[in-house]
C-alpha atoms as a PDB file:
ATOM      1  CA  ARG A   1       0.000   0.000   0.000  1.00  0.00           C
ATOM      2  CA  ARG A   2       1.011   3.539  -0.676  1.00  0.00           C
ATOM      3  CA  TRP A   3      -0.351   6.610   1.067  1.00  0.00           C
ATOM      4  CA  ARG A   4      -0.828   9.925  -0.639  1.00  0.00           C
ATOM      5  CA  SER A   5       0.996  12.349   1.598  1.00  0.00           C
ATOM      6  CA  SER A   6       0.149  15.660  -0.042  1.00  0.00           C
ATOM      7  CA  THR A   7      -3.428  15.695   1.229  1.00  0.00           C
ATOM      8  CA  GLY A   8      -2.994  14.274   4.703  1.00  0.00           C
ATOM      9  CA  SER A   9      -5.564  11.633   5.650  1.00  0.00           C
ATOM     10  CA  CYS A  10      -6.479  10.768   2.108  1.00  0.00           C
ATOM     11  CA  GLY A  11      -6.324   6.980   2.437  1.00  0.00           C
ATOM     12  CA  PRO A  12      -4.638   4.136   0.606  1.00  0.00           C
ATOM     13  CA  ILE A  13      -4.007   4.090  -3.113  1.00  0.00           C
ATOM     14  CA  TRP A  14      -3.051   0.804  -4.731  1.00  0.00           C
ATOM     15  CA  LYS A  15      -0.582   1.038  -7.616  1.00  0.00           C
ATOM     16  CA  GLY A  16      -1.543   4.654  -8.254  1.00  0.00           C
ATOM     17  CA  LEU A  17      -5.146   3.804  -9.143  1.00  0.00           C
ATOM     18  CA  VAL A  18      -7.946   5.637  -7.413  1.00  0.00           C
ATOM     19  CA  ASN A  19     -11.097   3.623  -6.778  1.00  0.00           C
ATOM     20  CA  LYS A  20     -14.085   5.886  -7.481  1.00  0.00           C
ATOM     21  CA  MET A  21     -17.708   4.943  -7.513  1.00  0.00           C
ATOM     22  CA  GLU A  22     -19.997   6.204 -10.233  1.00  0.00           C
ATOM     23  CA  LEU A  23     -23.341   7.598  -9.108  1.00  0.00           C
ATOM     24  CA  THR A  24     -26.525   6.777 -10.970  1.00  0.00           C
ATOM     25  CA  SER A  25     -29.067   9.491 -11.769  1.00  0.00           C
ATOM     26  CA  LYS A  26     -31.368   8.236  -8.986  1.00  0.00           C
ATOM     27  CA  GLN A  27     -28.541   8.389  -6.470  1.00  0.00           C
ATOM     28  CA  ARG A  28     -27.602  11.905  -7.623  1.00  0.00           C
ATOM     29  CA  SER A  29     -31.232  12.934  -7.238  1.00  0.00           C
ATOM     30  CA  GLN A  30     -31.334  11.523  -3.717  1.00  0.00           C
ATOM     31  CA  LEU A  31     -28.110  13.343  -2.778  1.00  0.00           C
ATOM     32  CA  ARG A  32     -29.336  16.633  -4.307  1.00  0.00           C
ATOM     33  CA  GLY A  33     -32.430  16.406  -2.109  1.00  0.00           C
ATOM     34  CA  LEU A  34     -30.312  15.812   0.992  1.00  0.00           C
ATOM     35  CA  ALA A  35     -27.980  18.681   0.065  1.00  0.00           C
ATOM     36  CA  ASN A  36     -30.825  21.235   0.087  1.00  0.00           C
ATOM     37  CA  ALA A  37     -30.780  21.313   3.879  1.00  0.00           C
ATOM     38  CA  LEU A  38     -26.983  21.561   4.166  1.00  0.00           C
ATOM     39  CA  ASP A  39     -25.104  24.709   5.089  1.00  0.00           C
ATOM     40  CA  THR A  40     -22.136  25.763   2.978  1.00  0.00           C
ATOM     41  CA  ILE A  41     -18.939  24.727   4.766  1.00  0.00           C
ATOM     42  CA  LEU A  42     -16.282  25.094   2.046  1.00  0.00           C
ATOM     43  CA  HIS A  43     -15.347  28.457   0.573  1.00  0.00           C
ATOM     44  CA  VAL A  44     -13.035  28.718  -2.428  1.00  0.00           C
ATOM     45  CA  GLY A  45     -11.537  32.208  -2.472  1.00  0.00           C
ATOM     46  CA  LYS A  46      -8.853  34.097  -4.335  1.00  0.00           C
ATOM     47  CA  ASP A  47      -6.191  31.562  -3.321  1.00  0.00           C
ATOM     48  CA  GLY A  48      -8.021  28.888  -5.275  1.00  0.00           C
ATOM     49  CA  ILE A  49      -7.686  25.285  -4.165  1.00  0.00           C
ATOM     50  CA  SER A  50      -4.858  25.057  -1.672  1.00  0.00           C
ATOM     51  CA  ASP A  51      -3.577  22.082   0.339  1.00  0.00           C
ATOM     52  CA  ASN A  52      -5.365  23.510   3.363  1.00  0.00           C
ATOM     53  CA  LEU A  53      -8.707  23.590   1.507  1.00  0.00           C
ATOM     54  CA  VAL A  54      -8.212  20.001   0.311  1.00  0.00           C
ATOM     55  CA  LYS A  55      -7.468  18.864   3.865  1.00  0.00           C
ATOM     56  CA  GLN A  56     -10.549  20.704   5.134  1.00  0.00           C
ATOM     57  CA  ALA A  57     -12.675  19.055   2.415  1.00  0.00           C
ATOM     58  CA  ASN A  58     -11.241  15.615   3.233  1.00  0.00           C
ATOM     59  CA  ASP A  59     -11.974  16.054   6.936  1.00  0.00           C
ATOM     60  CA  ALA A  60     -15.521  17.232   6.216  1.00  0.00           C
ATOM     61  CA  LEU A  61     -16.182  14.359   3.798  1.00  0.00           C
ATOM     62  CA  GLU A  62     -14.847  11.902   6.357  1.00  0.00           C
ATOM     63  CA  ALA A  63     -17.219  13.260   8.990  1.00  0.00           C
ATOM     64  CA  ARG A  64     -20.325  13.986   6.866  1.00  0.00           C
ATOM     65  CA  GLU A  65     -20.043  12.192   3.485  1.00  0.00           C
ATOM     66  CA  LEU A  66     -21.976  15.013   1.773  1.00  0.00           C
ATOM     67  CA  ILE A  67     -20.722  18.617   1.766  1.00  0.00           C
ATOM     68  CA  LYS A  68     -21.691  21.872   0.090  1.00  0.00           C
ATOM     69  CA  GLY A  69     -19.167  24.422  -1.111  1.00  0.00           C
ATOM     70  CA  ARG A  70     -19.197  27.880  -2.621  1.00  0.00           C
ATOM     71  CA  VAL A  71     -16.862  29.749  -4.942  1.00  0.00           C
ATOM     72  CA  LEU A  72     -16.486  33.380  -3.929  1.00  0.00           C
ATOM     73  CA  GLU A  73     -16.656  36.180  -6.490  1.00  0.00           C
ATOM     74  CA  ASN A  74     -12.963  37.051  -6.121  1.00  0.00           C
ATOM     75  CA  SER A  75     -11.889  33.515  -7.082  1.00  0.00           C
ATOM     76  CA  MET A  76     -10.283  32.864 -10.450  1.00  0.00           C
ATOM     77  CA  LEU A  77     -12.131  29.525 -10.746  1.00  0.00           C
ATOM     78  CA  THR A  78     -15.680  28.813 -11.788  1.00  0.00           C
ATOM     79  CA  ALA A  79     -17.820  26.631  -9.550  1.00  0.00           C
ATOM     80  CA  ARG A  80     -17.606  23.735 -12.031  1.00  0.00           C
ATOM     81  CA  GLU A  81     -13.798  23.930 -12.230  1.00  0.00           C
ATOM     82  CA  ALA A  82     -13.467  24.082  -8.457  1.00  0.00           C
ATOM     83  CA  CYS A  83     -15.876  21.185  -8.010  1.00  0.00           C
ATOM     84  CA  GLU A  84     -14.047  18.987 -10.536  1.00  0.00           C
ATOM     85  CA  GLN A  85     -10.634  19.747  -9.041  1.00  0.00           C
ATOM     86  CA  LEU A  86     -11.793  19.130  -5.473  1.00  0.00           C
ATOM     87  CA  ALA A  87     -13.561  15.917  -6.484  1.00  0.00           C
ATOM     88  CA  LYS A  88     -10.356  14.644  -8.060  1.00  0.00           C
ATOM     89  CA  LEU A  89      -8.146  15.667  -5.123  1.00  0.00           C
ATOM     90  CA  THR A  90     -10.486  14.277  -2.462  1.00  0.00           C
ATOM     91  CA  ARG A  91     -11.549  11.136  -4.385  1.00  0.00           C
ATOM     92  CA  SER A  92     -15.181  12.178  -4.178  1.00  0.00           C
ATOM     93  CA  GLU A  93     -18.050  12.487  -6.623  1.00  0.00           C
ATOM     94  CA  SER A  94     -19.463  15.736  -7.935  1.00  0.00           C
ATOM     95  CA  VAL A  95     -23.203  15.696  -7.240  1.00  0.00           C
ATOM     96  CA  GLN A  96     -24.375  19.121  -8.362  1.00  0.00           C
ATOM     97  CA  VAL A  97     -23.141  22.533  -9.505  1.00  0.00           C
ATOM     98  CA  ILE A  98     -25.566  25.457  -9.493  1.00  0.00           C
ATOM     99  CA  GLY A  99     -24.403  29.039  -9.828  1.00  0.00           C
ATOM    100  CA  SER A 100     -21.509  29.496  -7.421  1.00  0.00           C
ATOM    101  CA  LYS A 101     -22.365  26.491  -5.231  1.00  0.00           C
ATOM    102  CA  PHE A 102     -21.433  22.843  -5.565  1.00  0.00           C
ATOM    103  CA  VAL A 103     -22.010  19.565  -3.719  1.00  0.00           C
ATOM    104  CA  LEU A 104     -19.522  16.724  -3.201  1.00  0.00           C
ATOM    105  CA  TYR A 105     -20.150  13.180  -1.944  1.00  0.00           C
ATOM    106  CA  ARG A 106     -17.769  10.465  -0.763  1.00  0.00           C
ATOM    107  CA  ARG A 107     -19.085   7.258   0.722  1.00  0.00           C
ATOM    108  CA  HIS A 108     -17.449   6.348   4.026  1.00  0.00           C
ATOM    109  CA  TYR A 109     -15.201   3.308   3.722  1.00  0.00           C
ATOM    110  CA  ASP A 110     -16.399   1.912   7.085  1.00  0.00           C
ATOM    111  CA  LYS A 111     -19.937   0.520   6.707  1.00  0.00           C
ATOM    112  CA  SER A 112     -20.749   1.098  10.383  1.00  0.00           C
ATOM    113  CA  ARG A 113     -20.018   4.840  10.070  1.00  0.00           C
ATOM    114  CA  ARG A 114     -22.009   5.484   6.893  1.00  0.00           C
ATOM    115  CA  ARG A 115     -24.705   8.090   7.397  1.00  0.00           C
ATOM    116  CA  ILE A 116     -26.243   8.041   3.928  1.00  0.00           C
ATOM    117  CA  GLU A 117     -27.639   4.876   2.414  1.00  0.00           C
ATOM    118  CA  LEU A 118     -27.907   5.308  -1.340  1.00  0.00           C
ATOM    119  CA  VAL A 119     -30.836   3.875  -3.272  1.00  0.00           C
ATOM    120  CA  LYS A 120     -30.067   0.717  -5.196  1.00  0.00           C
ATOM    121  CA  ASP A 121     -30.612   0.333  -8.899  1.00  0.00           C
ATOM    122  CA  ARG A 122     -33.686  -1.564  -9.882  1.00  0.00           C
ATOM    123  CA  PRO A 123     -32.824  -5.002 -11.320  1.00  0.00           C
ATOM    124  CA  PRO A 124     -33.438  -5.329 -15.055  1.00  0.00           C
ATOM    125  CA  ARG A 125     -36.934  -6.402 -16.035  1.00  0.00           C
ATOM    126  CA  GLN A 126     -37.502  -9.959 -17.103  1.00  0.00           C
ATOM    127  CA  GLY A 127     -39.394 -10.271 -20.371  1.00  0.00           C
ATOM    128  CA  LYS A 128     -42.678 -12.175 -20.516  1.00  0.00           C
ATOM    129  CA  GLN A 129     -42.309 -15.725 -21.715  1.00  0.00           C
END
């Protein structure tokens, strides 16, 4: 195992590959609904995405799984750019980008500490025989 040291408590990476889960449209919809009630806890300012911001995002994702961020007007990044960069650096999924706000999700690796249970995909329909 190798540990990524630049972002602190990022977790193991095997042979340089990052294991990401892809969200379905139903799961994204569920997470968007949950994100409506969230307060914005990440603020991307004129410094852009620094190591400190990545560590803060990692800590928040570890504690909450779902976080909302905002790109301030004096930032050189758009909300979509900031969301994509943070998702890549924190190994999370981009859920939604609206205006200057964005939502990130990372499922907790420990099943006992998961707070959000995502909906499962419906099994494919069996044809009539």
